[in-house]
Amino acid sequence: MSIASDMIRGHTDTIILAQLMAGDSYGYKINRGIQEKTGGKYELKEATLYTAFRRLEQLGFITSYWGDENTGARRRYYSITPAGAEQYGRLAAEWEQSKLLIQELITP
């Protein structure tokens, strides 16, 4: 069973911020982490991922910098800011409340 994209779409920022709470990373690695955590059932589309990066950076929740790779293409790394960590806490709490509410609504 694959995870319905509609169920997750509104939580893209939370998912990305959660990945960055573990440390700086770049787009491909973040998406691989999402795929691994879900057993391959979910991945963000590249356009969605990079649109979210731009939005989160404009809001001051993440910063970006170019890596210093000696081999291969240069990677743009993303880092969560203190404001981003606070936002992640708020979003995670909202998710917990939403889960409880939906559970109440769908339980006969």
PDB file of N, CA and C in Angstrom:
ATOM      1  N   MET A   1       0.842  -1.183   0.000  1.00  0.00           N
ATOM      2  CA  MET A   1       0.000   0.000   0.000  1.00  0.00           C
ATOM      3  C   MET A   1       0.883   1.241   0.000  1.00  0.00           C
ATOM      4  N   SER A   2       0.658   2.121  -0.943  1.00  0.00           N
ATOM      5  CA  SER A   2       1.445   3.348  -0.975  1.00  0.00           C
ATOM      6  C   SER A   2       0.728   4.437  -0.180  1.00  0.00           C
ATOM      7  N   ILE A   3       1.500   5.344   0.329  1.00  0.00           N
ATOM      8  CA  ILE A   3       0.950   6.443   1.123  1.00  0.00           C
ATOM      9  C   ILE A   3       0.345   7.465   0.165  1.00  0.00           C
ATOM     10  N   ALA A   4      -0.887   7.845   0.411  1.00  0.00           N
ATOM     11  CA  ALA A   4      -1.561   8.810  -0.458  1.00  0.00           C
ATOM     12  C   ALA A   4      -0.896  10.175  -0.350  1.00  0.00           C
ATOM     13  N   SER A   5      -0.515  10.713  -1.502  1.00  0.00           N
ATOM     14  CA  SER A   5       0.153  12.021  -1.525  1.00  0.00           C
ATOM     15  C   SER A   5      -0.722  13.113  -0.925  1.00  0.00           C
ATOM     16  N   ASP A   6      -2.031  13.032  -1.146  1.00  0.00           N
ATOM     17  CA  ASP A   6      -2.928  14.053  -0.606  1.00  0.00           C
ATOM     18  C   ASP A   6      -2.881  14.110   0.914  1.00  0.00           C
ATOM     19  N   MET A   7      -2.662  12.983   1.552  1.00  0.00           N
ATOM     20  CA  MET A   7      -2.606  12.940   3.012  1.00  0.00           C
ATOM     21  C   MET A   7      -1.350  13.627   3.547  1.00  0.00           C
ATOM     22  N   ILE A   8      -0.318  13.667   2.745  1.00  0.00           N
ATOM     23  CA  ILE A   8       0.978  14.164   3.208  1.00  0.00           C
ATOM     24  C   ILE A   8       1.285  15.572   2.699  1.00  0.00           C
ATOM     25  N   ARG A   9       0.655  15.966   1.614  1.00  0.00           N
ATOM     26  CA  ARG A   9       0.999  17.212   0.920  1.00  0.00           C
ATOM     27  C   ARG A   9       1.114  18.414   1.855  1.00  0.00           C
ATOM     28  N   GLY A  10       0.214  18.572   2.794  1.00  0.00           N
ATOM     29  CA  GLY A  10       0.241  19.719   3.688  1.00  0.00           C
ATOM     30  C   GLY A  10       1.325  19.666   4.754  1.00  0.00           C
ATOM     31  N   HIS A  11       2.098  18.581   4.770  1.00  0.00           N
ATOM     32  CA  HIS A  11       3.111  18.407   5.813  1.00  0.00           C
ATOM     33  C   HIS A  11       4.535  18.383   5.257  1.00  0.00           C
ATOM     34  N   THR A  12       4.684  18.857   4.023  1.00  0.00           N
ATOM     35  CA  THR A  12       5.998  18.863   3.379  1.00  0.00           C
ATOM     36  C   THR A  12       7.031  19.624   4.209  1.00  0.00           C
ATOM     37  N   ASP A  13       6.675  20.810   4.692  1.00  0.00           N
ATOM     38  CA  ASP A  13       7.618  21.604   5.493  1.00  0.00           C
ATOM     39  C   ASP A  13       8.032  20.844   6.746  1.00  0.00           C
ATOM     40  N   THR A  14       7.066  20.225   7.410  1.00  0.00           N
ATOM     41  CA  THR A  14       7.360  19.464   8.628  1.00  0.00           C
ATOM     42  C   THR A  14       8.328  18.327   8.329  1.00  0.00           C
ATOM     43  N   ILE A  15       8.091  17.626   7.226  1.00  0.00           N
ATOM     44  CA  ILE A  15       8.938  16.489   6.845  1.00  0.00           C
ATOM     45  C   ILE A  15      10.362  16.958   6.565  1.00  0.00           C
ATOM     46  N   ILE A  16      10.504  18.042   5.824  1.00  0.00           N
ATOM     47  CA  ILE A  16      11.838  18.558   5.495  1.00  0.00           C
ATOM     48  C   ILE A  16      12.549  19.054   6.751  1.00  0.00           C
ATOM     49  N   LEU A  17      11.842  19.823   7.570  1.00  0.00           N
ATOM     50  CA  LEU A  17      12.460  20.321   8.804  1.00  0.00           C
ATOM     51  C   LEU A  17      12.867  19.166   9.718  1.00  0.00           C
ATOM     52  N   ALA A  18      12.066  18.114   9.765  1.00  0.00           N
ATOM     53  CA  ALA A  18      12.407  16.944  10.583  1.00  0.00           C
ATOM     54  C   ALA A  18      13.709  16.313  10.101  1.00  0.00           C
ATOM     55  N   GLN A  19      13.875  16.213   8.788  1.00  0.00           N
ATOM     56  CA  GLN A  19      15.114  15.651   8.241  1.00  0.00           C
ATOM     57  C   GLN A  19      16.313  16.527   8.608  1.00  0.00           C
ATOM     58  N   LEU A  20      16.122  17.854   8.578  1.00  0.00           N
ATOM     59  CA  LEU A  20      17.224  18.767   8.878  1.00  0.00           C
ATOM     60  C   LEU A  20      17.525  18.861  10.378  1.00  0.00           C
ATOM     61  N   MET A  21      16.576  18.444  11.219  1.00  0.00           N
ATOM     62  CA  MET A  21      16.849  18.421  12.666  1.00  0.00           C
ATOM     63  C   MET A  21      18.003  17.468  12.974  1.00  0.00           C
ATOM     64  N   ALA A  22      18.205  16.474  12.107  1.00  0.00           N
ATOM     65  CA  ALA A  22      19.291  15.498  12.302  1.00  0.00           C
ATOM     66  C   ALA A  22      20.634  16.027  11.810  1.00  0.00           C
ATOM     67  N   GLY A  23      20.626  17.148  11.072  1.00  0.00           N
ATOM     68  CA  GLY A  23      21.873  17.724  10.587  1.00  0.00           C
ATOM     69  C   GLY A  23      21.728  18.254   9.178  1.00  0.00           C
ATOM     70  N   ASP A  24      22.709  19.026   8.758  1.00  0.00           N
ATOM     71  CA  ASP A  24      22.710  19.611   7.417  1.00  0.00           C
ATOM     72  C   ASP A  24      22.652  18.511   6.366  1.00  0.00           C
ATOM     73  N   SER A  25      22.005  18.817   5.257  1.00  0.00           N
ATOM     74  CA  SER A  25      21.893  17.830   4.199  1.00  0.00           C
ATOM     75  C   SER A  25      21.576  18.518   2.890  1.00  0.00           C
ATOM     76  N   TYR A  26      21.555  17.748   1.815  1.00  0.00           N
ATOM     77  CA  TYR A  26      21.234  18.276   0.488  1.00  0.00           C
ATOM     78  C   TYR A  26      20.004  17.545  -0.050  1.00  0.00           C
ATOM     79  N   GLY A  27      19.408  18.106  -1.100  1.00  0.00           N
ATOM     80  CA  GLY A  27      18.122  17.637  -1.594  1.00  0.00           C
ATOM     81  C   GLY A  27      18.012  16.152  -1.843  1.00  0.00           C
ATOM     82  N   TYR A  28      18.932  15.589  -2.618  1.00  0.00           N
ATOM     83  CA  TYR A  28      18.857  14.167  -2.946  1.00  0.00           C
ATOM     84  C   TYR A  28      18.916  13.306  -1.680  1.00  0.00           C
ATOM     85  N   LYS A  29      19.808  13.657  -0.768  1.00  0.00           N
ATOM     86  CA  LYS A  29      19.960  12.871   0.463  1.00  0.00           C
ATOM     87  C   LYS A  29      18.712  12.985   1.349  1.00  0.00           C
ATOM     88  N   ILE A  30      18.104  14.157   1.396  1.00  0.00           N
ATOM     89  CA  ILE A  30      16.873  14.333   2.169  1.00  0.00           C
ATOM     90  C   ILE A  30      15.772  13.449   1.589  1.00  0.00           C
ATOM     91  N   ASN A  31      15.641  13.465   0.262  1.00  0.00           N
ATOM     92  CA  ASN A  31      14.611  12.654  -0.369  1.00  0.00           C
ATOM     93  C   ASN A  31      14.885  11.159  -0.177  1.00  0.00           C
ATOM     94  N   ARG A  32      16.147  10.760  -0.225  1.00  0.00           N
ATOM     95  CA  ARG A  32      16.510   9.353   0.036  1.00  0.00           C
ATOM     96  C   ARG A  32      16.146   8.975   1.466  1.00  0.00           C
ATOM     97  N   GLY A  33      16.372   9.877   2.410  1.00  0.00           N
ATOM     98  CA  GLY A  33      16.019   9.619   3.800  1.00  0.00           C
ATOM     99  C   GLY A  33      14.520   9.416   3.960  1.00  0.00           C
ATOM    100  N   ILE A  34      13.732  10.203   3.242  1.00  0.00           N
ATOM    101  CA  ILE A  34      12.275  10.068   3.276  1.00  0.00           C
ATOM    102  C   ILE A  34      11.868   8.716   2.697  1.00  0.00           C
ATOM    103  N   GLN A  35      12.478   8.348   1.578  1.00  0.00           N
ATOM    104  CA  GLN A  35      12.172   7.063   0.960  1.00  0.00           C
ATOM    105  C   GLN A  35      12.533   5.903   1.890  1.00  0.00           C
ATOM    106  N   GLU A  36      13.692   5.988   2.514  1.00  0.00           N
ATOM    107  CA  GLU A  36      14.137   4.918   3.415  1.00  0.00           C
ATOM    108  C   GLU A  36      13.227   4.806   4.633  1.00  0.00           C
ATOM    109  N   LYS A  37      12.863   5.949   5.228  1.00  0.00           N
ATOM    110  CA  LYS A  37      11.993   5.921   6.414  1.00  0.00           C
ATOM    111  C   LYS A  37      10.627   5.344   6.114  1.00  0.00           C
ATOM    112  N   THR A  38      10.168   5.492   4.856  1.00  0.00           N
ATOM    113  CA  THR A  38       8.841   4.997   4.487  1.00  0.00           C
ATOM    114  C   THR A  38       8.908   3.661   3.754  1.00  0.00           C
ATOM    115  N   GLY A  39      10.064   3.051   3.720  1.00  0.00           N
ATOM    116  CA  GLY A  39      10.201   1.780   3.024  1.00  0.00           C
ATOM    117  C   GLY A  39       9.894   1.890   1.544  1.00  0.00           C
ATOM    118  N   GLY A  40      10.201   3.046   0.950  1.00  0.00           N
ATOM    119  CA  GLY A  40       9.983   3.261  -0.468  1.00  0.00           C
ATOM    120  C   GLY A  40       8.554   3.616  -0.839  1.00  0.00           C
ATOM    121  N   LYS A  41       7.706   3.838   0.149  1.00  0.00           N
ATOM    122  CA  LYS A  41       6.300   4.136  -0.125  1.00  0.00           C
ATOM    123  C   LYS A  41       6.053   5.603  -0.454  1.00  0.00           C
ATOM    124  N   TYR A  42       7.004   6.461  -0.138  1.00  0.00           N
ATOM    125  CA  TYR A  42       6.792   7.892  -0.377  1.00  0.00           C
ATOM    126  C   TYR A  42       8.103   8.572  -0.705  1.00  0.00           C
ATOM    127  N   GLU A  43       8.023   9.499  -1.632  1.00  0.00           N
ATOM    128  CA  GLU A  43       9.133  10.399  -1.923  1.00  0.00           C
ATOM    129  C   GLU A  43       8.549  11.714  -2.393  1.00  0.00           C
ATOM    130  N   LEU A  44       9.260  12.768  -2.150  1.00  0.00           N
ATOM    131  CA  LEU A  44       8.824  14.081  -2.617  1.00  0.00           C
ATOM    132  C   LEU A  44       9.255  14.261  -4.065  1.00  0.00           C
ATOM    133  N   LYS A  45       8.394  14.863  -4.855  1.00  0.00           N
ATOM    134  CA  LYS A  45       8.787  15.210  -6.218  1.00  0.00           C
ATOM    135  C   LYS A  45       9.856  16.289  -6.119  1.00  0.00           C
ATOM    136  N   GLU A  46      10.782  16.249  -7.059  1.00  0.00           N
ATOM    137  CA  GLU A  46      11.903  17.192  -7.025  1.00  0.00           C
ATOM    138  C   GLU A  46      11.416  18.640  -7.012  1.00  0.00           C
ATOM    139  N   ALA A  47      10.421  18.952  -7.842  1.00  0.00           N
ATOM    140  CA  ALA A  47       9.898  20.331  -7.895  1.00  0.00           C
ATOM    141  C   ALA A  47       9.303  20.738  -6.558  1.00  0.00           C
ATOM    142  N   THR A  48       8.596  19.832  -5.914  1.00  0.00           N
ATOM    143  CA  THR A  48       8.007  20.107  -4.601  1.00  0.00           C
ATOM    144  C   THR A  48       9.097  20.352  -3.573  1.00  0.00           C
ATOM    145  N   LEU A  49      10.112  19.523  -3.585  1.00  0.00           N
ATOM    146  CA  LEU A  49      11.217  19.626  -2.628  1.00  0.00           C
ATOM    147  C   LEU A  49      11.917  20.979  -2.750  1.00  0.00           C
ATOM    148  N   TYR A  50      12.286  21.367  -3.961  1.00  0.00           N
ATOM    149  CA  TYR A  50      13.048  22.602  -4.126  1.00  0.00           C
ATOM    150  C   TYR A  50      12.189  23.848  -3.963  1.00  0.00           C
ATOM    151  N   THR A  51      10.900  23.754  -4.273  1.00  0.00           N
ATOM    152  CA  THR A  51       9.988  24.859  -3.988  1.00  0.00           C
ATOM    153  C   THR A  51       9.884  25.063  -2.476  1.00  0.00           C
ATOM    154  N   ALA A  52       9.802  23.956  -1.740  1.00  0.00           N
ATOM    155  CA  ALA A  52       9.736  24.031  -0.276  1.00  0.00           C
ATOM    156  C   ALA A  52      11.038  24.606   0.288  1.00  0.00           C
ATOM    157  N   PHE A  53      12.187  24.207  -0.261  1.00  0.00           N
ATOM    158  CA  PHE A  53      13.461  24.772   0.200  1.00  0.00           C
ATOM    159  C   PHE A  53      13.458  26.289   0.051  1.00  0.00           C
ATOM    160  N   ARG A  54      13.030  26.775  -1.118  1.00  0.00           N
ATOM    161  CA  ARG A  54      13.014  28.231  -1.347  1.00  0.00           C
ATOM    162  C   ARG A  54      12.077  28.920  -0.358  1.00  0.00           C
ATOM    163  N   ARG A  55      10.901  28.353  -0.157  1.00  0.00           N
ATOM    164  CA  ARG A  55       9.924  28.954   0.767  1.00  0.00           C
ATOM    165  C   ARG A  55      10.477  28.961   2.191  1.00  0.00           C
ATOM    166  N   LEU A  56      11.023  27.844   2.637  1.00  0.00           N
ATOM    167  CA  LEU A  56      11.564  27.759   3.999  1.00  0.00           C
ATOM    168  C   LEU A  56      12.742  28.709   4.201  1.00  0.00           C
ATOM    169  N   GLU A  57      13.536  28.888   3.149  1.00  0.00           N
ATOM    170  CA  GLU A  57      14.669  29.811   3.257  1.00  0.00           C
ATOM    171  C   GLU A  57      14.173  31.259   3.315  1.00  0.00           C
ATOM    172  N   GLN A  58      13.182  31.601   2.505  1.00  0.00           N
ATOM    173  CA  GLN A  58      12.625  32.957   2.530  1.00  0.00           C
ATOM    174  C   GLN A  58      11.995  33.283   3.882  1.00  0.00           C
ATOM    175  N   LEU A  59      11.425  32.262   4.535  1.00  0.00           N
ATOM    176  CA  LEU A  59      10.810  32.460   5.844  1.00  0.00           C
ATOM    177  C   LEU A  59      11.841  32.475   6.985  1.00  0.00           C
ATOM    178  N   GLY A  60      13.092  32.171   6.668  1.00  0.00           N
ATOM    179  CA  GLY A  60      14.143  32.182   7.683  1.00  0.00           C
ATOM    180  C   GLY A  60      14.223  30.904   8.499  1.00  0.00           C
ATOM    181  N   PHE A  61      13.580  29.824   8.029  1.00  0.00           N
ATOM    182  CA  PHE A  61      13.579  28.561   8.769  1.00  0.00           C
ATOM    183  C   PHE A  61      14.766  27.678   8.407  1.00  0.00           C
ATOM    184  N   ILE A  62      15.340  27.913   7.228  1.00  0.00           N
ATOM    185  CA  ILE A  62      16.553  27.199   6.827  1.00  0.00           C
ATOM    186  C   ILE A  62      17.496  28.179   6.147  1.00  0.00           C
ATOM    187  N   THR A  63      18.759  27.802   6.075  1.00  0.00           N
ATOM    188  CA  THR A  63      19.747  28.527   5.288  1.00  0.00           C
ATOM    189  C   THR A  63      20.389  27.517   4.346  1.00  0.00           C
ATOM    190  N   SER A  64      21.056  28.017   3.331  1.00  0.00           N
ATOM    191  CA  SER A  64      21.724  27.112   2.402  1.00  0.00           C
ATOM    192  C   SER A  64      23.136  27.598   2.130  1.00  0.00           C
ATOM    193  N   TYR A  65      23.963  26.658   1.704  1.00  0.00           N
ATOM    194  CA  TYR A  65      25.342  26.979   1.344  1.00  0.00           C
ATOM    195  C   TYR A  65      25.835  25.908   0.376  1.00  0.00           C
ATOM    196  N   TRP A  66      26.838  26.263  -0.387  1.00  0.00           N
ATOM    197  CA  TRP A  66      27.413  25.322  -1.334  1.00  0.00           C
ATOM    198  C   TRP A  66      28.458  24.470  -0.629  1.00  0.00           C
ATOM    199  N   GLY A  67      28.385  23.169  -0.860  1.00  0.00           N
ATOM    200  CA  GLY A  67      29.363  22.244  -0.292  1.00  0.00           C
ATOM    201  C   GLY A  67      30.692  22.374  -1.001  1.00  0.00           C
ATOM    202  N   ASP A  68      31.696  21.755  -0.442  1.00  0.00           N
ATOM    203  CA  ASP A  68      33.041  21.831  -0.986  1.00  0.00           C
ATOM    204  C   ASP A  68      33.478  20.450  -1.475  1.00  0.00           C
ATOM    205  N   GLU A  69      32.683  19.873  -2.409  1.00  0.00           N
ATOM    206  CA  GLU A  69      33.017  18.560  -2.937  1.00  0.00           C
ATOM    207  C   GLU A  69      34.201  18.645  -3.890  1.00  0.00           C
ATOM    208  N   ASN A  70      35.092  17.697  -3.768  1.00  0.00           N
ATOM    209  CA  ASN A  70      36.242  17.642  -4.670  1.00  0.00           C
ATOM    210  C   ASN A  70      35.939  16.801  -5.902  1.00  0.00           C
ATOM    211  N   THR A  71      34.977  15.897  -5.781  1.00  0.00           N
ATOM    212  CA  THR A  71      34.597  15.060  -6.916  1.00  0.00           C
ATOM    213  C   THR A  71      33.107  15.203  -7.165  1.00  0.00           C
ATOM    214  N   GLY A  72      32.721  15.156  -8.425  1.00  0.00           N
ATOM    215  CA  GLY A  72      31.303  15.253  -8.758  1.00  0.00           C
ATOM    216  C   GLY A  72      30.810  16.692  -8.711  1.00  0.00           C
ATOM    217  N   ALA A  73      29.501  16.811  -8.836  1.00  0.00           N
ATOM    218  CA  ALA A  73      28.877  18.131  -8.851  1.00  0.00           C
ATOM    219  C   ALA A  73      28.833  18.743  -7.450  1.00  0.00           C
ATOM    220  N   ARG A  74      28.901  20.069  -7.421  1.00  0.00           N
ATOM    221  CA  ARG A  74      28.751  20.760  -6.137  1.00  0.00           C
ATOM    222  C   ARG A  74      27.326  20.598  -5.660  1.00  0.00           C
ATOM    223  N   ARG A  75      27.168  20.458  -4.361  1.00  0.00           N
ATOM    224  CA  ARG A  75      25.841  20.295  -3.776  1.00  0.00           C
ATOM    225  C   ARG A  75      25.495  21.500  -2.929  1.00  0.00           C
ATOM    226  N   ARG A  76      24.224  21.849  -2.974  1.00  0.00           N
ATOM    227  CA  ARG A  76      23.713  22.909  -2.122  1.00  0.00           C
ATOM    228  C   ARG A  76      23.184  22.241  -0.856  1.00  0.00           C
ATOM    229  N   TYR A  77      23.752  22.606   0.267  1.00  0.00           N
ATOM    230  CA  TYR A  77      23.354  22.035   1.550  1.00  0.00           C
ATOM    231  C   TYR A  77      22.380  22.968   2.248  1.00  0.00           C
ATOM    232  N   TYR A  78      21.516  22.362   3.046  1.00  0.00           N
ATOM    233  CA  TYR A  78      20.515  23.111   3.795  1.00  0.00           C
ATOM    234  C   TYR A  78      20.714  22.845   5.276  1.00  0.00           C
ATOM    235  N   SER A  79      20.492  23.894   6.057  1.00  0.00           N
ATOM    236  CA  SER A  79      20.676  23.834   7.503  1.00  0.00           C
ATOM    237  C   SER A  79      19.476  24.482   8.171  1.00  0.00           C
ATOM    238  N   ILE A  80      18.987  23.876   9.238  1.00  0.00           N
ATOM    239  CA  ILE A  80      17.853  24.449   9.953  1.00  0.00           C
ATOM    240  C   ILE A  80      18.349  25.568  10.866  1.00  0.00           C
ATOM    241  N   THR A  81      17.592  26.631  10.951  1.00  0.00           N
ATOM    242  CA  THR A  81      17.923  27.756  11.821  1.00  0.00           C
ATOM    243  C   THR A  81      17.213  27.575  13.168  1.00  0.00           C
ATOM    244  N   PRO A  82      17.573  28.363  14.172  1.00  0.00           N
ATOM    245  CA  PRO A  82      16.825  28.294  15.435  1.00  0.00           C
ATOM    246  C   PRO A  82      15.326  28.552  15.233  1.00  0.00           C
ATOM    247  N   ALA A  83      14.994  29.507  14.359  1.00  0.00           N
ATOM    248  CA  ALA A  83      13.575  29.767  14.066  1.00  0.00           C
ATOM    249  C   ALA A  83      12.935  28.550  13.396  1.00  0.00           C
ATOM    250  N   GLY A  84      13.701  27.855  12.558  1.00  0.00           N
ATOM    251  CA  GLY A  84      13.214  26.647  11.905  1.00  0.00           C
ATOM    252  C   GLY A  84      12.977  25.521  12.893  1.00  0.00           C
ATOM    253  N   ALA A  85      13.850  25.408  13.876  1.00  0.00           N
ATOM    254  CA  ALA A  85      13.669  24.383  14.913  1.00  0.00           C
ATOM    255  C   ALA A  85      12.412  24.670  15.727  1.00  0.00           C
ATOM    256  N   GLU A  86      12.159  25.942  16.016  1.00  0.00           N
ATOM    257  CA  GLU A  86      10.933  26.316  16.730  1.00  0.00           C
ATOM    258  C   GLU A  86       9.706  26.012  15.874  1.00  0.00           C
ATOM    259  N   GLN A  87       9.793  26.346  14.581  1.00  0.00           N
ATOM    260  CA  GLN A  87       8.681  26.074  13.668  1.00  0.00           C
ATOM    261  C   GLN A  87       8.426  24.568  13.580  1.00  0.00           C
ATOM    262  N   TYR A  88       9.498  23.784  13.523  1.00  0.00           N
ATOM    263  CA  TYR A  88       9.339  22.333  13.494  1.00  0.00           C
ATOM    264  C   TYR A  88       8.575  21.861  14.735  1.00  0.00           C
ATOM    265  N   GLY A  89       8.914  22.387  15.895  1.00  0.00           N
ATOM    266  CA  GLY A  89       8.212  22.012  17.128  1.00  0.00           C
ATOM    267  C   GLY A  89       6.733  22.339  17.055  1.00  0.00           C
ATOM    268  N   ARG A  90       6.417  23.520  16.521  1.00  0.00           N
ATOM    269  CA  ARG A  90       5.003  23.906  16.368  1.00  0.00           C
ATOM    270  C   ARG A  90       4.281  22.982  15.391  1.00  0.00           C
ATOM    271  N   LEU A  91       4.914  22.722  14.245  1.00  0.00           N
ATOM    272  CA  LEU A  91       4.289  21.883  13.226  1.00  0.00           C
ATOM    273  C   LEU A  91       4.109  20.443  13.708  1.00  0.00           C
ATOM    274  N   ALA A  92       5.090  19.933  14.429  1.00  0.00           N
ATOM    275  CA  ALA A  92       4.981  18.568  14.957  1.00  0.00           C
ATOM    276  C   ALA A  92       3.846  18.483  15.976  1.00  0.00           C
ATOM    277  N   ALA A  93       3.686  19.513  16.811  1.00  0.00           N
ATOM    278  CA  ALA A  93       2.592  19.535  17.792  1.00  0.00           C
ATOM    279  C   ALA A  93       1.240  19.614  17.082  1.00  0.00           C
ATOM    280  N   GLU A  94       1.170  20.438  16.021  1.00  0.00           N
ATOM    281  CA  GLU A  94      -0.069  20.521  15.244  1.00  0.00           C
ATOM    282  C   GLU A  94      -0.413  19.167  14.625  1.00  0.00           C
ATOM    283  N   TRP A  95       0.599  18.462  14.127  1.00  0.00           N
ATOM    284  CA  TRP A  95       0.382  17.146  13.542  1.00  0.00           C
ATOM    285  C   TRP A  95      -0.180  16.180  14.587  1.00  0.00           C
ATOM    286  N   GLU A  96       0.380  16.192  15.772  1.00  0.00           N
ATOM    287  CA  GLU A  96      -0.117  15.305  16.831  1.00  0.00           C
ATOM    288  C   GLU A  96      -1.581  15.595  17.139  1.00  0.00           C
ATOM    289  N   GLN A  97      -1.943  16.874  17.206  1.00  0.00           N
ATOM    290  CA  GLN A  97      -3.338  17.247  17.449  1.00  0.00           C
ATOM    291  C   GLN A  97      -4.232  16.807  16.292  1.00  0.00           C
ATOM    292  N   SER A  98      -3.749  16.982  15.075  1.00  0.00           N
ATOM    293  CA  SER A  98      -4.512  16.573  13.896  1.00  0.00           C
ATOM    294  C   SER A  98      -4.738  15.065  13.879  1.00  0.00           C
ATOM    295  N   LYS A  99      -3.707  14.300  14.216  1.00  0.00           N
ATOM    296  CA  LYS A  99      -3.843  12.839  14.263  1.00  0.00           C
ATOM    297  C   LYS A  99      -4.939  12.427  15.230  1.00  0.00           C
ATOM    298  N   LEU A 100      -4.928  13.029  16.418  1.00  0.00           N
ATOM    299  CA  LEU A 100      -5.937  12.701  17.421  1.00  0.00           C
ATOM    300  C   LEU A 100      -7.338  13.067  16.938  1.00  0.00           C
ATOM    301  N   LEU A 101      -7.462  14.240  16.333  1.00  0.00           N
ATOM    302  CA  LEU A 101      -8.761  14.687  15.845  1.00  0.00           C
ATOM    303  C   LEU A 101      -9.282  13.764  14.736  1.00  0.00           C
ATOM    304  N   ILE A 102      -8.427  13.432  13.795  1.00  0.00           N
ATOM    305  CA  ILE A 102      -8.849  12.541  12.700  1.00  0.00           C
ATOM    306  C   ILE A 102      -9.216  11.175  13.242  1.00  0.00           C
ATOM    307  N   GLN A 103      -8.443  10.677  14.184  1.00  0.00           N
ATOM    308  CA  GLN A 103      -8.772   9.380  14.790  1.00  0.00           C
ATOM    309  C   GLN A 103     -10.149   9.409  15.415  1.00  0.00           C
ATOM    310  N   GLU A 104     -10.464  10.495  16.111  1.00  0.00           N
ATOM    311  CA  GLU A 104     -11.790  10.622  16.708  1.00  0.00           C
ATOM    312  C   GLU A 104     -12.873  10.669  15.647  1.00  0.00           C
ATOM    313  N   LEU A 105     -12.603  11.339  14.542  1.00  0.00           N
ATOM    314  CA  LEU A 105     -13.593  11.500  13.486  1.00  0.00           C
ATOM    315  C   LEU A 105     -13.858  10.231  12.690  1.00  0.00           C
ATOM    316  N   ILE A 106     -12.860   9.363  12.561  1.00  0.00           N
ATOM    317  CA  ILE A 106     -13.044   8.166  11.744  1.00  0.00           C
ATOM    318  C   ILE A 106     -13.339   6.904  12.546  1.00  0.00           C
ATOM    319  N   THR A 107     -13.290   7.009  13.850  1.00  0.00           N
ATOM    320  CA  THR A 107     -13.603   5.851  14.678  1.00  0.00           C
ATOM    321  C   THR A 107     -15.124   5.792  14.898  1.00  0.00           C
ATOM    322  N   PRO A 108     -15.740   4.649  14.514  1.00  0.00           N
ATOM    323  CA  PRO A 108     -17.203   4.540  14.683  1.00  0.00           C
ATOM    324  C   PRO A 108     -17.626   4.598  16.142  1.00  0.00           C
TER     325      PRO A 108
END
